[in-house]
Each structure stands twice: as C-alpha cells, then as structure tokens.
Amino acid sequence: MRNTQKGVSLGALLVVCVVVILCALVGLKVAPAYIEYGQIKKTVANLVQGGDAKGSVAEIRKAFDRNALINDISTISGQDLDITKEGGEVVVGFAYSKKVPLFSNLSLLIEFTGSSKP
C-alpha cells in the first residue's frame, strides 16, 4: 500500500500568490478612478436634485465647478458637461476617459459616461 500525499505544491502556491498580488495591484491603481467617477455622478445628481440646475447653462457649469472643488474632482470641469433639456427637465451628462498606468509601458484606458437622468 502506497501512502499518497494530498495538497497544494509549493509551485502552485507561488503561482496563486503571484496572481492574487497582481490582481490586488491592478485593483489599487484602478480604484481611485472609480471613486472619482462616483463623486462626479453624485455631484451631477445633486446639481439637478438640489435646484442648482434651474439657472442658465453657465450657472450650472459654475455650480459644478464649485462642487468639484469641494469634492476634489480634477478629471472634468463644468465646460465638459453636456447640458440639455428633455421634457421640461434639465439633464446633465458627462463622458470622459481616464488612462491609468499599470506597469512600465502598460496602461489601462477606462471610458466613463453618466447622466443625471435615471
């Protein structure tokens, strides 16, 4: 009777650890871009719901710039907003891309779009 060992070999354990570490590094580099996207969506929604979107297009852009300064949003400004009126209601939209450098010459390009319209 042979006694067989069961379990994970050292090589397989190292491969799994390397994959987990690479995924964690990518996640740590990409997370700030998604956090800023969430802040932008929240700021745009607050503009429309808070009543700041009742004025002219220039006033809406200035209100966004003020809120962006408070929320530390640097990727887009009020000039990048797409402001339209649909059915008597102001809709504020935005679209931008963010380039996240990963390793040496490898980068990740993420395209974000959003709107105050649900």
C-alpha atoms as a PDB file:
ATOM      1  CA  MET A   1       0.000   0.000   0.000  1.00  0.00           C
ATOM      2  CA  ARG A   2       1.303   3.360  -1.034  1.00  0.00           C
ATOM      3  CA  ASN A   3       0.662   6.386   1.068  1.00  0.00           C
ATOM      4  CA  THR A   4      -0.171   9.306  -1.266  1.00  0.00           C
ATOM      5  CA  GLN A   5       0.083  12.879  -0.200  1.00  0.00           C
ATOM      6  CA  LYS A   6      -2.638  15.350  -0.975  1.00  0.00           C
ATOM      7  CA  GLY A   7      -2.450  19.136  -1.029  1.00  0.00           C
ATOM      8  CA  VAL A   8      -1.028  22.059  -2.898  1.00  0.00           C
ATOM      9  CA  SER A   9       2.553  22.024  -4.091  1.00  0.00           C
ATOM     10  CA  LEU A  10       4.889  24.922  -3.402  1.00  0.00           C
ATOM     11  CA  GLY A  11       4.974  25.863  -7.099  1.00  0.00           C
ATOM     12  CA  ALA A  12       1.199  26.035  -7.363  1.00  0.00           C
ATOM     13  CA  LEU A  13       1.013  28.081  -4.159  1.00  0.00           C
ATOM     14  CA  LEU A  14       3.534  30.588  -5.547  1.00  0.00           C
ATOM     15  CA  VAL A  15       1.622  30.900  -8.833  1.00  0.00           C
ATOM     16  CA  VAL A  16      -1.628  31.555  -6.970  1.00  0.00           C
ATOM     17  CA  CYS A  17       0.091  34.149  -4.749  1.00  0.00           C
ATOM     18  CA  VAL A  18       1.564  35.972  -7.761  1.00  0.00           C
ATOM     19  CA  VAL A  19      -1.843  36.094  -9.481  1.00  0.00           C
ATOM     20  CA  VAL A  20      -3.536  37.392  -6.322  1.00  0.00           C
ATOM     21  CA  ILE A  21      -0.847  40.061  -5.819  1.00  0.00           C
ATOM     22  CA  LEU A  22      -1.101  41.228  -9.458  1.00  0.00           C
ATOM     23  CA  CYS A  23      -4.886  41.486  -9.195  1.00  0.00           C
ATOM     24  CA  ALA A  24      -4.557  43.461  -5.962  1.00  0.00           C
ATOM     25  CA  LEU A  25      -2.052  45.879  -7.531  1.00  0.00           C
ATOM     26  CA  VAL A  26      -4.300  46.465 -10.536  1.00  0.00           C
ATOM     27  CA  GLY A  27      -7.261  46.981  -8.214  1.00  0.00           C
ATOM     28  CA  LEU A  28      -5.360  49.517  -6.120  1.00  0.00           C
ATOM     29  CA  LYS A  29      -4.402  51.502  -9.212  1.00  0.00           C
ATOM     30  CA  VAL A  30      -7.890  51.416 -10.777  1.00  0.00           C
ATOM     31  CA  ALA A  31      -9.919  52.076  -7.603  1.00  0.00           C
ATOM     32  CA  PRO A  32      -9.222  55.864  -7.455  1.00  0.00           C
ATOM     33  CA  ALA A  33     -10.597  56.304 -10.990  1.00  0.00           C
ATOM     34  CA  TYR A  34     -13.867  54.608 -10.000  1.00  0.00           C
ATOM     35  CA  ILE A  35     -14.057  56.553  -6.745  1.00  0.00           C
ATOM     36  CA  GLU A  36     -13.731  59.823  -8.676  1.00  0.00           C
ATOM     37  CA  TYR A  37     -16.388  58.622 -11.149  1.00  0.00           C
ATOM     38  CA  GLY A  38     -18.734  58.019  -8.223  1.00  0.00           C
ATOM     39  CA  GLN A  39     -18.045  61.524  -6.914  1.00  0.00           C
ATOM     40  CA  ILE A  40     -18.791  63.021 -10.340  1.00  0.00           C
ATOM     41  CA  LYS A  41     -22.083  61.087 -10.625  1.00  0.00           C
ATOM     42  CA  LYS A  42     -23.075  62.181  -7.132  1.00  0.00           C
ATOM     43  CA  THR A  43     -22.210  65.816  -7.845  1.00  0.00           C
ATOM     44  CA  VAL A  44     -24.208  65.833 -11.096  1.00  0.00           C
ATOM     45  CA  ALA A  45     -27.202  64.206  -9.392  1.00  0.00           C
ATOM     46  CA  ASN A  46     -27.025  66.735  -6.539  1.00  0.00           C
ATOM     47  CA  LEU A  47     -26.957  69.611  -9.045  1.00  0.00           C
ATOM     48  CA  VAL A  48     -30.220  68.513 -10.597  1.00  0.00           C
ATOM     49  CA  GLN A  49     -31.980  67.441  -7.396  1.00  0.00           C
ATOM     50  CA  GLY A  50     -30.712  70.347  -5.296  1.00  0.00           C
ATOM     51  CA  GLY A  51     -32.123  73.006  -7.575  1.00  0.00           C
ATOM     52  CA  ASP A  52     -28.776  74.330  -8.858  1.00  0.00           C
ATOM     53  CA  ALA A  53     -29.797  73.246 -12.357  1.00  0.00           C
ATOM     54  CA  LYS A  54     -32.652  75.779 -12.578  1.00  0.00           C
ATOM     55  CA  GLY A  55     -30.455  78.571 -13.936  1.00  0.00           C
ATOM     56  CA  SER A  56     -28.688  79.048 -17.227  1.00  0.00           C
ATOM     57  CA  VAL A  57     -26.091  76.697 -18.674  1.00  0.00           C
ATOM     58  CA  ALA A  58     -23.282  78.938 -17.416  1.00  0.00           C
ATOM     59  CA  GLU A  59     -24.714  78.916 -13.880  1.00  0.00           C
ATOM     60  CA  ILE A  60     -24.973  75.119 -13.911  1.00  0.00           C
ATOM     61  CA  ARG A  61     -21.333  74.848 -15.015  1.00  0.00           C
ATOM     62  CA  LYS A  62     -20.213  77.260 -12.306  1.00  0.00           C
ATOM     63  CA  ALA A  63     -22.170  75.299  -9.700  1.00  0.00           C
ATOM     64  CA  PHE A  64     -20.470  72.092 -10.860  1.00  0.00           C
ATOM     65  CA  ASP A  65     -17.048  73.749 -10.679  1.00  0.00           C
ATOM     66  CA  ARG A  66     -17.747  74.870  -7.104  1.00  0.00           C
ATOM     67  CA  ASN A  67     -18.839  71.381  -6.095  1.00  0.00           C
ATOM     68  CA  ALA A  68     -15.885  69.832  -7.941  1.00  0.00           C
ATOM     69  CA  LEU A  69     -13.507  71.995  -5.952  1.00  0.00           C
ATOM     70  CA  ILE A  70     -15.077  70.814  -2.703  1.00  0.00           C
ATOM     71  CA  ASN A  71     -15.163  67.128  -3.739  1.00  0.00           C
ATOM     72  CA  ASP A  72     -11.633  67.192  -5.237  1.00  0.00           C
ATOM     73  CA  ILE A  73     -12.741  66.363  -8.783  1.00  0.00           C
ATOM     74  CA  SER A  74      -9.980  67.207 -11.241  1.00  0.00           C
ATOM     75  CA  THR A  75     -10.721  64.973 -14.232  1.00  0.00           C
ATOM     76  CA  ILE A  76     -13.531  67.062 -15.726  1.00  0.00           C
ATOM     77  CA  SER A  77     -14.767  70.605 -15.311  1.00  0.00           C
ATOM     78  CA  GLY A  78     -18.030  72.406 -15.896  1.00  0.00           C
ATOM     79  CA  GLN A  79     -17.052  73.004 -19.522  1.00  0.00           C
ATOM     80  CA  ASP A  80     -17.049  69.231 -20.139  1.00  0.00           C
ATOM     81  CA  LEU A  81     -20.688  68.789 -19.111  1.00  0.00           C
ATOM     82  CA  ASP A  82     -23.389  68.129 -21.698  1.00  0.00           C
ATOM     83  CA  ILE A  83     -26.440  70.088 -20.533  1.00  0.00           C
ATOM     84  CA  THR A  84     -29.765  69.505 -22.294  1.00  0.00           C
ATOM     85  CA  LYS A  85     -33.431  69.892 -21.561  1.00  0.00           C
ATOM     86  CA  GLU A  86     -35.732  66.905 -22.014  1.00  0.00           C
ATOM     87  CA  GLY A  87     -39.423  67.167 -21.304  1.00  0.00           C
ATOM     88  CA  GLY A  88     -39.062  70.398 -19.353  1.00  0.00           C
ATOM     89  CA  GLU A  89     -36.389  68.841 -17.132  1.00  0.00           C
ATOM     90  CA  VAL A  90     -32.680  69.668 -17.189  1.00  0.00           C
ATOM     91  CA  VAL A  91     -30.423  66.673 -17.900  1.00  0.00           C
ATOM     92  CA  VAL A  92     -26.718  66.981 -17.138  1.00  0.00           C
ATOM     93  CA  GLY A  93     -24.482  64.385 -18.764  1.00  0.00           C
ATOM     94  CA  PHE A  94     -20.770  63.764 -18.975  1.00  0.00           C
ATOM     95  CA  ALA A  95     -18.314  61.480 -20.740  1.00  0.00           C
ATOM     96  CA  TYR A  96     -14.586  61.207 -20.273  1.00  0.00           C
ATOM     97  CA  SER A  97     -11.767  58.709 -20.454  1.00  0.00           C
ATOM     98  CA  LYS A  98      -9.107  58.031 -17.851  1.00  0.00           C
ATOM     99  CA  LYS A  99      -5.716  56.492 -18.602  1.00  0.00           C
ATOM    100  CA  VAL A 100      -4.335  54.518 -15.654  1.00  0.00           C
ATOM    101  CA  PRO A 101      -0.657  53.485 -15.909  1.00  0.00           C
ATOM    102  CA  LEU A 102      -0.215  49.933 -14.629  1.00  0.00           C
ATOM    103  CA  PHE A 103       3.361  48.716 -15.198  1.00  0.00           C
ATOM    104  CA  SER A 104       6.209  50.288 -17.209  1.00  0.00           C
ATOM    105  CA  ASN A 105       4.617  50.768 -20.676  1.00  0.00           C
ATOM    106  CA  LEU A 106       1.288  49.054 -19.922  1.00  0.00           C
ATOM    107  CA  SER A 107      -1.737  51.291 -19.315  1.00  0.00           C
ATOM    108  CA  LEU A 108      -5.452  50.804 -18.906  1.00  0.00           C
ATOM    109  CA  LEU A 109      -7.897  53.157 -20.648  1.00  0.00           C
ATOM    110  CA  ILE A 110     -11.294  53.415 -18.959  1.00  0.00           C
ATOM    111  CA  GLU A 111     -14.186  55.311 -20.569  1.00  0.00           C
ATOM    112  CA  PHE A 112     -16.779  56.723 -18.190  1.00  0.00           C
ATOM    113  CA  THR A 113     -20.205  58.102 -19.097  1.00  0.00           C
ATOM    114  CA  GLY A 114     -23.005  59.242 -16.876  1.00  0.00           C
ATOM    115  CA  SER A 115     -26.081  61.388 -16.662  1.00  0.00           C
ATOM    116  CA  SER A 116     -28.438  62.873 -14.117  1.00  0.00           C
ATOM    117  CA  LYS A 117     -31.243  61.027 -15.885  1.00  0.00           C
ATOM    118  CA  PRO A 118     -32.021  57.763 -14.044  1.00  0.00           C
END
